[in-house]
Each structure stands twice: as structure tokens, then as C-alpha cells.
């Protein structure tokens, strides 16, 4: 894996603004954004990064216009279904993270189909956060813990009951479009992730921009609350 990176997460922001700048409908920004996500996934696979997570649709996105919501959910279905055979040949596993059971029936069925057909692929896991919110993930985890009868809860207990306990926490979180916040994205898992913010809108984000983010990551020292081995460094 490159620079110790196992898992990179993306907050893919700026599709609507990209379209507006060009006098296009917001849906055109989402189409372009899906193409960028595919290219970035291929770049991550080439760099031997084992996991990537793409924040595609949050629990807060239901507040958007109904037409845009319908388009986004349909785009996920049609775009990914059209690439199932390619994903299998490239050894790419697709997984969906979030309250999938609350999505429209066709979307739920498509998610199950895609996950089932790519389940045995093992080169890279591409995790699509769909109808996802970090707070709802924690609520769902706590409900599982209660149902399981735990009376003593540790950090490990919570981690083991999140949506994908087998996936390591993100090493690096990349957010595009100039916003500098996590927006309810993997709050538990990103407690010690390195954060990288760029003004580039997601549809303009390319492989070179990804390389720049990884290069910046490689220059950082991840202490996880400790200090450097040499000298008294209390940062």
C-alpha cells in the first residue's frame, strides 16, 4: 500500500456548484461526479489502497428537491449496474453503507445485487455511503449492543457494532469544494484520520489531485496522541 494508506474516504462535494457555473442542470454535475468517482477508484486500486469510501448520499440529503433525490438514487443504480462485469474482472468489491433498508425498493434490490455479484472480489473494497449519517450509524450500533444484552460497554464494543467493523478506520479523508467540515461522516472512525481539504469541485478532481493529497498525507506525522521518539514534542 502507498505511504501506509489502507483506507481513503472521500466527501465528494461540489457537483451542484460545478453544474451551476456552467449553466447546466444539477443532475449534469452528479453525472460527471459519478465518472470522477470511478476514475479515482481505479487510481486507488492502482496504488494498492485496499479500501475507499465514497460519501454519495447522506441522511440529510433527503431535504433536497424530490427530483434531484430521485435522479441521484437512480444514477447509483444504473451507473453501477452497467459496470458490474467490469468490476468483477477488475476484482473490485462494492459495498453499501447506511440505512439501505429505507431506500426505494429498486435501489435496495440493486444494492443487494451489486454486493452479491462482487462479494468474492478482493483487490479493493469500494464502499458507497448511501443514506448514511454518522449519528444514525452510532444509534444503530447502540441498538445492536442493547439487543445483544451488553451491560459493560467499551470503545471496542461500539466499534464492533458499526456498519462495517471489518474495515479499518480511514487514514485519510479528502473533502472537495472548499468546505472544511466532516458533515456527519464517519465521526467515530475518523477520530484520528488525517483531513485534507481542497477548493477543487468534485467533478474537476482528478488523479493528479488525488496524488497531491496522498503526497501531503505522506509528509504528516501521525502520533495518535503520543509524541515523537526524539526530543520533547508536545504537539
C-alpha atoms as a PDB file:
ATOM      1  CA  UNK A   1       0.000   0.000   0.000  1.00  0.00           C
ATOM      2  CA  UNK A   2       1.221   3.511  -0.760  1.00  0.00           C
ATOM      3  CA  UNK A   3       2.607   5.549   2.174  1.00  0.00           C
ATOM      4  CA  UNK A   4       0.933   3.164   4.602  1.00  0.00           C
ATOM      5  CA  UNK A   5      -2.516   4.050   3.284  1.00  0.00           C
ATOM      6  CA  UNK A   6      -5.090   1.329   3.774  1.00  0.00           C
ATOM      7  CA  UNK A   7      -8.280   3.377   3.615  1.00  0.00           C
ATOM      8  CA  UNK A   8      -9.104   6.715   1.979  1.00  0.00           C
ATOM      9  CA  UNK A   9     -12.538   8.284   2.392  1.00  0.00           C
ATOM     10  CA  UNK A  10     -13.984  10.963   0.107  1.00  0.00           C
ATOM     11  CA  UNK A  11     -16.577  13.629   0.813  1.00  0.00           C
ATOM     12  CA  UNK A  12     -17.484  14.297  -2.805  1.00  0.00           C
ATOM     13  CA  UNK A  13     -18.726  17.869  -2.623  1.00  0.00           C
ATOM     14  CA  UNK A  14     -19.407  20.445  -5.325  1.00  0.00           C
ATOM     15  CA  UNK A  15     -21.384  18.671  -8.041  1.00  0.00           C
ATOM     16  CA  UNK A  16     -24.216  21.216  -7.977  1.00  0.00           C
ATOM     17  CA  UNK A  17     -21.911  24.224  -7.952  1.00  0.00           C
ATOM     18  CA  UNK A  18     -19.887  22.749 -10.828  1.00  0.00           C
ATOM     19  CA  UNK A  19     -23.057  22.474 -12.920  1.00  0.00           C
ATOM     20  CA  UNK A  20     -24.315  25.929 -11.955  1.00  0.00           C
ATOM     21  CA  UNK A  21     -21.032  27.553 -13.017  1.00  0.00           C
ATOM     22  CA  UNK A  22     -21.572  26.059 -16.470  1.00  0.00           C
ATOM     23  CA  UNK A  23     -25.254  26.908 -16.738  1.00  0.00           C
ATOM     24  CA  UNK A  24     -26.196  23.244 -16.506  1.00  0.00           C
ATOM     25  CA  UNK A  25     -28.799  21.376 -14.522  1.00  0.00           C
ATOM     26  CA  UNK A  26     -27.532  19.997 -11.186  1.00  0.00           C
ATOM     27  CA  UNK A  27     -28.069  16.472 -12.494  1.00  0.00           C
ATOM     28  CA  UNK A  28     -25.247  17.024 -15.004  1.00  0.00           C
ATOM     29  CA  UNK A  29     -22.919  17.684 -12.092  1.00  0.00           C
ATOM     30  CA  UNK A  30     -23.926  14.408 -10.488  1.00  0.00           C
ATOM     31  CA  UNK A  31     -23.324  12.516 -13.747  1.00  0.00           C
ATOM     32  CA  UNK A  32     -19.853  13.999 -14.023  1.00  0.00           C
ATOM     33  CA  UNK A  33     -19.233  13.284 -10.352  1.00  0.00           C
ATOM     34  CA  UNK A  34     -20.018   9.601 -10.844  1.00  0.00           C
ATOM     35  CA  UNK A  35     -17.450   9.393 -13.644  1.00  0.00           C
ATOM     36  CA  UNK A  36     -14.835  11.042 -11.414  1.00  0.00           C
ATOM     37  CA  UNK A  37     -15.590   8.584  -8.601  1.00  0.00           C
ATOM     38  CA  UNK A  38     -14.954   5.687 -10.973  1.00  0.00           C
ATOM     39  CA  UNK A  39     -11.620   7.132 -12.115  1.00  0.00           C
ATOM     40  CA  UNK A  40     -10.497   7.800  -8.544  1.00  0.00           C
ATOM     41  CA  UNK A  41     -11.428   4.252  -7.513  1.00  0.00           C
ATOM     42  CA  UNK A  42      -9.287   2.891 -10.351  1.00  0.00           C
ATOM     43  CA  UNK A  43      -6.419   5.144  -9.291  1.00  0.00           C
ATOM     44  CA  UNK A  44      -6.693   3.928  -5.691  1.00  0.00           C
ATOM     45  CA  UNK A  45      -6.660   0.312  -6.870  1.00  0.00           C
ATOM     46  CA  UNK A  46      -3.547   1.013  -8.958  1.00  0.00           C
ATOM     47  CA  UNK A  47      -1.865   2.447  -5.854  1.00  0.00           C
ATOM     48  CA  UNK A  48      -2.777  -0.693  -3.870  1.00  0.00           C
ATOM     49  CA  UNK A  49      -5.062   1.165  -1.480  1.00  0.00           C
ATOM     50  CA  UNK A  50      -7.261  -1.547  -0.010  1.00  0.00           C
ATOM     51  CA  UNK A  51     -10.396   0.452   0.853  1.00  0.00           C
ATOM     52  CA  UNK A  52     -12.047   3.624  -0.319  1.00  0.00           C
ATOM     53  CA  UNK A  53     -15.319   5.069   0.940  1.00  0.00           C
ATOM     54  CA  UNK A  54     -17.402   7.467  -1.148  1.00  0.00           C
ATOM     55  CA  UNK A  55     -19.954   9.683   0.611  1.00  0.00           C
ATOM     56  CA  UNK A  56     -22.676   9.571  -2.028  1.00  0.00           C
ATOM     57  CA  UNK A  57     -25.945  10.376  -0.245  1.00  0.00           C
ATOM     58  CA  UNK A  58     -26.361  11.449   3.362  1.00  0.00           C
ATOM     59  CA  UNK A  59     -29.337  11.156   5.678  1.00  0.00           C
ATOM     60  CA  UNK A  60     -29.574  14.956   5.417  1.00  0.00           C
ATOM     61  CA  UNK A  61     -29.779  14.882   1.611  1.00  0.00           C
ATOM     62  CA  UNK A  62     -33.479  13.956   1.824  1.00  0.00           C
ATOM     63  CA  UNK A  63     -34.040  17.703   2.309  1.00  0.00           C
ATOM     64  CA  UNK A  64     -33.109  18.310  -1.351  1.00  0.00           C
ATOM     65  CA  UNK A  65     -35.702  18.685  -4.135  1.00  0.00           C
ATOM     66  CA  UNK A  66     -37.508  15.414  -4.839  1.00  0.00           C
ATOM     67  CA  UNK A  67     -36.472  15.388  -8.496  1.00  0.00           C
ATOM     68  CA  UNK A  68     -32.794  15.604  -7.537  1.00  0.00           C
ATOM     69  CA  UNK A  69     -33.148  12.845  -4.940  1.00  0.00           C
ATOM     70  CA  UNK A  70     -34.852  10.540  -7.452  1.00  0.00           C
ATOM     71  CA  UNK A  71     -32.146  11.247 -10.012  1.00  0.00           C
ATOM     72  CA  UNK A  72     -29.309  10.579  -7.566  1.00  0.00           C
ATOM     73  CA  UNK A  73     -30.721   7.257  -6.415  1.00  0.00           C
ATOM     74  CA  UNK A  74     -31.441   6.183  -9.972  1.00  0.00           C
ATOM     75  CA  UNK A  75     -27.945   7.206 -11.024  1.00  0.00           C
ATOM     76  CA  UNK A  76     -26.427   4.917  -8.411  1.00  0.00           C
ATOM     77  CA  UNK A  77     -28.485   2.023  -9.724  1.00  0.00           C
ATOM     78  CA  UNK A  78     -27.944   2.495 -13.464  1.00  0.00           C
ATOM     79  CA  UNK A  79     -24.296   3.580 -13.291  1.00  0.00           C
ATOM     80  CA  UNK A  80     -23.085   0.780 -11.036  1.00  0.00           C
ATOM     81  CA  UNK A  81     -25.236  -1.943 -12.590  1.00  0.00           C
ATOM     82  CA  UNK A  82     -23.783  -1.104 -16.001  1.00  0.00           C
ATOM     83  CA  UNK A  83     -20.300  -1.749 -14.633  1.00  0.00           C
ATOM     84  CA  UNK A  84     -20.783  -4.955 -12.665  1.00  0.00           C
ATOM     85  CA  UNK A  85     -18.930  -7.189 -15.121  1.00  0.00           C
ATOM     86  CA  UNK A  86     -16.028  -4.743 -15.334  1.00  0.00           C
ATOM     87  CA  UNK A  87     -15.825  -4.592 -11.539  1.00  0.00           C
ATOM     88  CA  UNK A  88     -15.728  -8.362 -11.305  1.00  0.00           C
ATOM     89  CA  UNK A  89     -12.972  -8.587 -13.930  1.00  0.00           C
ATOM     90  CA  UNK A  90     -11.002  -5.907 -12.049  1.00  0.00           C
ATOM     91  CA  UNK A  91     -11.515  -7.742  -8.717  1.00  0.00           C
ATOM     92  CA  UNK A  92     -13.430  -4.784  -7.202  1.00  0.00           C
ATOM     93  CA  UNK A  93     -15.875  -5.406  -4.381  1.00  0.00           C
ATOM     94  CA  UNK A  94     -18.795  -2.945  -4.000  1.00  0.00           C
ATOM     95  CA  UNK A  95     -20.409  -2.456  -0.606  1.00  0.00           C
ATOM     96  CA  UNK A  96     -23.124  -0.070   0.554  1.00  0.00           C
ATOM     97  CA  UNK A  97     -23.025   1.566   3.972  1.00  0.00           C
ATOM     98  CA  UNK A  98     -26.017   3.243   5.584  1.00  0.00           C
ATOM     99  CA  UNK A  99     -29.708   2.680   6.205  1.00  0.00           C
ATOM    100  CA  UNK A 100     -30.160   0.864   2.914  1.00  0.00           C
ATOM    101  CA  UNK A 101     -33.446  -0.641   4.104  1.00  0.00           C
ATOM    102  CA  UNK A 102     -35.036   2.836   3.991  1.00  0.00           C
ATOM    103  CA  UNK A 103     -34.258   3.374   0.299  1.00  0.00           C
ATOM    104  CA  UNK A 104     -36.790   2.779  -2.505  1.00  0.00           C
ATOM    105  CA  UNK A 105     -37.287  -0.880  -3.400  1.00  0.00           C
ATOM    106  CA  UNK A 106     -35.491  -0.712  -6.760  1.00  0.00           C
ATOM    107  CA  UNK A 107     -32.470   0.929  -5.159  1.00  0.00           C
ATOM    108  CA  UNK A 108     -32.360  -1.633  -2.342  1.00  0.00           C
ATOM    109  CA  UNK A 109     -32.596  -4.508  -4.790  1.00  0.00           C
ATOM    110  CA  UNK A 110     -29.850  -3.049  -6.970  1.00  0.00           C
ATOM    111  CA  UNK A 111     -27.560  -2.615  -3.958  1.00  0.00           C
ATOM    112  CA  UNK A 112     -28.096  -6.244  -2.919  1.00  0.00           C
ATOM    113  CA  UNK A 113     -27.486  -7.450  -6.480  1.00  0.00           C
ATOM    114  CA  UNK A 114     -24.256  -5.489  -6.840  1.00  0.00           C
ATOM    115  CA  UNK A 115     -22.961  -6.575  -3.432  1.00  0.00           C
ATOM    116  CA  UNK A 116     -23.797 -10.213  -4.123  1.00  0.00           C
ATOM    117  CA  UNK A 117     -22.157 -10.317  -7.550  1.00  0.00           C
ATOM    118  CA  UNK A 118     -18.925  -8.641  -6.383  1.00  0.00           C
ATOM    119  CA  UNK A 119     -18.765 -10.318  -2.971  1.00  0.00           C
ATOM    120  CA  UNK A 120     -15.858 -12.596  -3.862  1.00  0.00           C
ATOM    121  CA  UNK A 121     -13.689  -9.818  -5.283  1.00  0.00           C
ATOM    122  CA  UNK A 122     -10.724  -8.901  -3.110  1.00  0.00           C
ATOM    123  CA  UNK A 123      -8.372  -6.372  -4.688  1.00  0.00           C
ATOM    124  CA  UNK A 124     -10.159  -3.298  -3.361  1.00  0.00           C
ATOM    125  CA  UNK A 125     -13.364  -2.612  -1.449  1.00  0.00           C
ATOM    126  CA  UNK A 126     -15.256   0.391  -2.769  1.00  0.00           C
ATOM    127  CA  UNK A 127     -17.734   1.393  -0.076  1.00  0.00           C
ATOM    128  CA  UNK A 128     -20.579   3.675  -1.119  1.00  0.00           C
ATOM    129  CA  UNK A 129     -22.138   5.576   1.795  1.00  0.00           C
ATOM    130  CA  UNK A 130     -25.794   5.761   0.779  1.00  0.00           C
ATOM    131  CA  UNK A 131     -28.489   7.163   3.064  1.00  0.00           C
ATOM    132  CA  UNK A 132     -25.636   7.377   5.549  1.00  0.00           C
ATOM    133  CA  UNK A 133     -25.141   9.536   8.617  1.00  0.00           C
ATOM    134  CA  UNK A 134     -22.578   9.031  11.357  1.00  0.00           C
ATOM    135  CA  UNK A 135     -25.086   9.812  14.093  1.00  0.00           C
ATOM    136  CA  UNK A 136     -27.592   7.287  12.769  1.00  0.00           C
ATOM    137  CA  UNK A 137     -24.784   4.721  12.481  1.00  0.00           C
ATOM    138  CA  UNK A 138     -23.999   5.224  16.168  1.00  0.00           C
ATOM    139  CA  UNK A 139     -27.693   4.997  17.082  1.00  0.00           C
ATOM    140  CA  UNK A 140     -27.948   1.746  15.130  1.00  0.00           C
ATOM    141  CA  UNK A 141     -24.792   0.447  16.841  1.00  0.00           C
ATOM    142  CA  UNK A 142     -26.159   1.258  20.302  1.00  0.00           C
ATOM    143  CA  UNK A 143     -29.426  -0.525  19.458  1.00  0.00           C
ATOM    144  CA  UNK A 144     -27.484  -3.642  18.423  1.00  0.00           C
ATOM    145  CA  UNK A 145     -25.479  -3.503  21.645  1.00  0.00           C
ATOM    146  CA  UNK A 146     -28.640  -3.213  23.750  1.00  0.00           C
ATOM    147  CA  UNK A 147     -30.322  -6.083  21.897  1.00  0.00           C
ATOM    148  CA  UNK A 148     -27.200  -8.212  22.416  1.00  0.00           C
ATOM    149  CA  UNK A 149     -27.518  -7.692  26.175  1.00  0.00           C
ATOM    150  CA  UNK A 150     -24.237  -5.927  26.870  1.00  0.00           C
ATOM    151  CA  UNK A 151     -24.024  -4.353  30.342  1.00  0.00           C
ATOM    152  CA  UNK A 152     -20.412  -3.189  30.123  1.00  0.00           C
ATOM    153  CA  UNK A 153     -19.574  -1.112  27.055  1.00  0.00           C
ATOM    154  CA  UNK A 154     -16.047  -0.245  25.924  1.00  0.00           C
ATOM    155  CA  UNK A 155     -14.810   1.552  22.799  1.00  0.00           C
ATOM    156  CA  UNK A 156     -14.207  -1.835  21.160  1.00  0.00           C
ATOM    157  CA  UNK A 157     -17.833  -2.799  21.808  1.00  0.00           C
ATOM    158  CA  UNK A 158     -19.051   0.192  19.816  1.00  0.00           C
ATOM    159  CA  UNK A 159     -16.537  -0.328  17.010  1.00  0.00           C
ATOM    160  CA  UNK A 160     -17.587  -3.962  16.698  1.00  0.00           C
ATOM    161  CA  UNK A 161     -21.232  -2.954  16.143  1.00  0.00           C
ATOM    162  CA  UNK A 162     -20.775  -0.282  13.480  1.00  0.00           C
ATOM    163  CA  UNK A 163     -21.924  -0.988   9.924  1.00  0.00           C
ATOM    164  CA  UNK A 164     -18.597  -2.438   8.737  1.00  0.00           C
ATOM    165  CA  UNK A 165     -16.495  -3.490  11.739  1.00  0.00           C
ATOM    166  CA  UNK A 166     -14.115  -5.400   9.460  1.00  0.00           C
ATOM    167  CA  UNK A 167     -12.993  -2.221   7.674  1.00  0.00           C
ATOM    168  CA  UNK A 168     -10.110  -0.241   9.219  1.00  0.00           C
ATOM    169  CA  UNK A 169     -10.693   3.401  10.080  1.00  0.00           C
ATOM    170  CA  UNK A 170      -9.872   5.874   7.292  1.00  0.00           C
ATOM    171  CA  UNK A 171      -6.246   7.004   7.285  1.00  0.00           C
ATOM    172  CA  UNK A 172      -7.100   9.978   5.106  1.00  0.00           C
ATOM    173  CA  UNK A 173     -10.324  11.899   4.470  1.00  0.00           C
ATOM    174  CA  UNK A 174     -10.444  14.103   1.364  1.00  0.00           C
ATOM    175  CA  UNK A 175     -13.142  16.749   1.004  1.00  0.00           C
ATOM    176  CA  UNK A 176     -13.551  18.813  -2.142  1.00  0.00           C
ATOM    177  CA  UNK A 177     -15.215  22.176  -2.893  1.00  0.00           C
ATOM    178  CA  UNK A 178     -13.632  24.283  -0.140  1.00  0.00           C
ATOM    179  CA  UNK A 179     -15.870  23.250   2.743  1.00  0.00           C
ATOM    180  CA  UNK A 180     -13.931  22.336   5.888  1.00  0.00           C
ATOM    181  CA  UNK A 181     -16.091  20.007   7.944  1.00  0.00           C
ATOM    182  CA  UNK A 182     -16.997  16.318   8.150  1.00  0.00           C
ATOM    183  CA  UNK A 183     -20.742  16.830   7.711  1.00  0.00           C
ATOM    184  CA  UNK A 184     -21.831  13.851   9.802  1.00  0.00           C
ATOM    185  CA  UNK A 185     -19.457  11.476   8.009  1.00  0.00           C
ATOM    186  CA  UNK A 186     -17.856   8.556   9.898  1.00  0.00           C
ATOM    187  CA  UNK A 187     -17.390  10.623  13.069  1.00  0.00           C
ATOM    188  CA  UNK A 188     -16.376   7.647  15.196  1.00  0.00           C
ATOM    189  CA  UNK A 189     -13.994   6.162  12.626  1.00  0.00           C
ATOM    190  CA  UNK A 190     -12.385   9.499  11.683  1.00  0.00           C
ATOM    191  CA  UNK A 191     -11.349  10.472  15.203  1.00  0.00           C
ATOM    192  CA  UNK A 192      -7.670  10.249  14.186  1.00  0.00           C
ATOM    193  CA  UNK A 193      -7.903  10.421  10.402  1.00  0.00           C
ATOM    194  CA  UNK A 194      -5.815  12.972   8.550  1.00  0.00           C
ATOM    195  CA  UNK A 195      -8.060  15.569   6.909  1.00  0.00           C
ATOM    196  CA  UNK A 196      -7.332  17.091   3.514  1.00  0.00           C
ATOM    197  CA  UNK A 197      -9.438  19.941   2.144  1.00  0.00           C
ATOM    198  CA  UNK A 198      -9.275  21.357  -1.363  1.00  0.00           C
ATOM    199  CA  UNK A 199     -11.171  24.121  -3.157  1.00  0.00           C
ATOM    200  CA  UNK A 200     -11.461  21.930  -6.270  1.00  0.00           C
ATOM    201  CA  UNK A 201     -15.046  20.927  -7.026  1.00  0.00           C
ATOM    202  CA  UNK A 202     -15.549  17.153  -7.146  1.00  0.00           C
ATOM    203  CA  UNK A 203     -16.269  16.947 -10.903  1.00  0.00           C
ATOM    204  CA  UNK A 204     -12.907  18.669 -11.520  1.00  0.00           C
ATOM    205  CA  UNK A 205     -10.971  16.454  -9.087  1.00  0.00           C
ATOM    206  CA  UNK A 206      -8.598  14.184 -11.000  1.00  0.00           C
ATOM    207  CA  UNK A 207      -5.877  11.614 -10.479  1.00  0.00           C
ATOM    208  CA  UNK A 208      -3.186  14.285 -10.092  1.00  0.00           C
ATOM    209  CA  UNK A 209      -5.230  15.979  -7.369  1.00  0.00           C
ATOM    210  CA  UNK A 210      -5.514  12.608  -5.632  1.00  0.00           C
ATOM    211  CA  UNK A 211      -1.737  12.191  -5.869  1.00  0.00           C
ATOM    212  CA  UNK A 212      -1.268  15.642  -4.332  1.00  0.00           C
ATOM    213  CA  UNK A 213      -3.470  14.683  -1.392  1.00  0.00           C
ATOM    214  CA  UNK A 214      -1.580  11.434  -0.856  1.00  0.00           C
ATOM    215  CA  UNK A 215       1.734  13.292  -1.071  1.00  0.00           C
ATOM    216  CA  UNK A 216       0.547  15.761   1.568  1.00  0.00           C
ATOM    217  CA  UNK A 217      -0.533  12.828   3.740  1.00  0.00           C
ATOM    218  CA  UNK A 218       2.905  11.237   3.415  1.00  0.00           C
ATOM    219  CA  UNK A 219       4.538  14.366   4.886  1.00  0.00           C
ATOM    220  CA  UNK A 220       2.413  14.326   8.032  1.00  0.00           C
ATOM    221  CA  UNK A 221       3.350  12.591  11.274  1.00  0.00           C
ATOM    222  CA  UNK A 222       0.546  10.567  12.784  1.00  0.00           C
ATOM    223  CA  UNK A 223       1.106  10.480  16.554  1.00  0.00           C
ATOM    224  CA  UNK A 224      -2.316   9.311  17.756  1.00  0.00           C
ATOM    225  CA  UNK A 225      -1.876  11.375  20.926  1.00  0.00           C
ATOM    226  CA  UNK A 226       1.732  10.352  21.604  1.00  0.00           C
ATOM    227  CA  UNK A 227       4.985  12.240  20.970  1.00  0.00           C
ATOM    228  CA  UNK A 228       7.928  11.867  18.620  1.00  0.00           C
ATOM    229  CA  UNK A 229      10.683   9.466  19.648  1.00  0.00           C
ATOM    230  CA  UNK A 230      13.271  12.230  19.516  1.00  0.00           C
ATOM    231  CA  UNK A 231      13.073  15.325  21.672  1.00  0.00           C
ATOM    232  CA  UNK A 232      10.251  16.679  23.771  1.00  0.00           C
ATOM    233  CA  UNK A 233       7.482  17.337  21.288  1.00  0.00           C
ATOM    234  CA  UNK A 234       4.144  18.053  22.932  1.00  0.00           C
ATOM    235  CA  UNK A 235       2.113  18.762  19.789  1.00  0.00           C
END
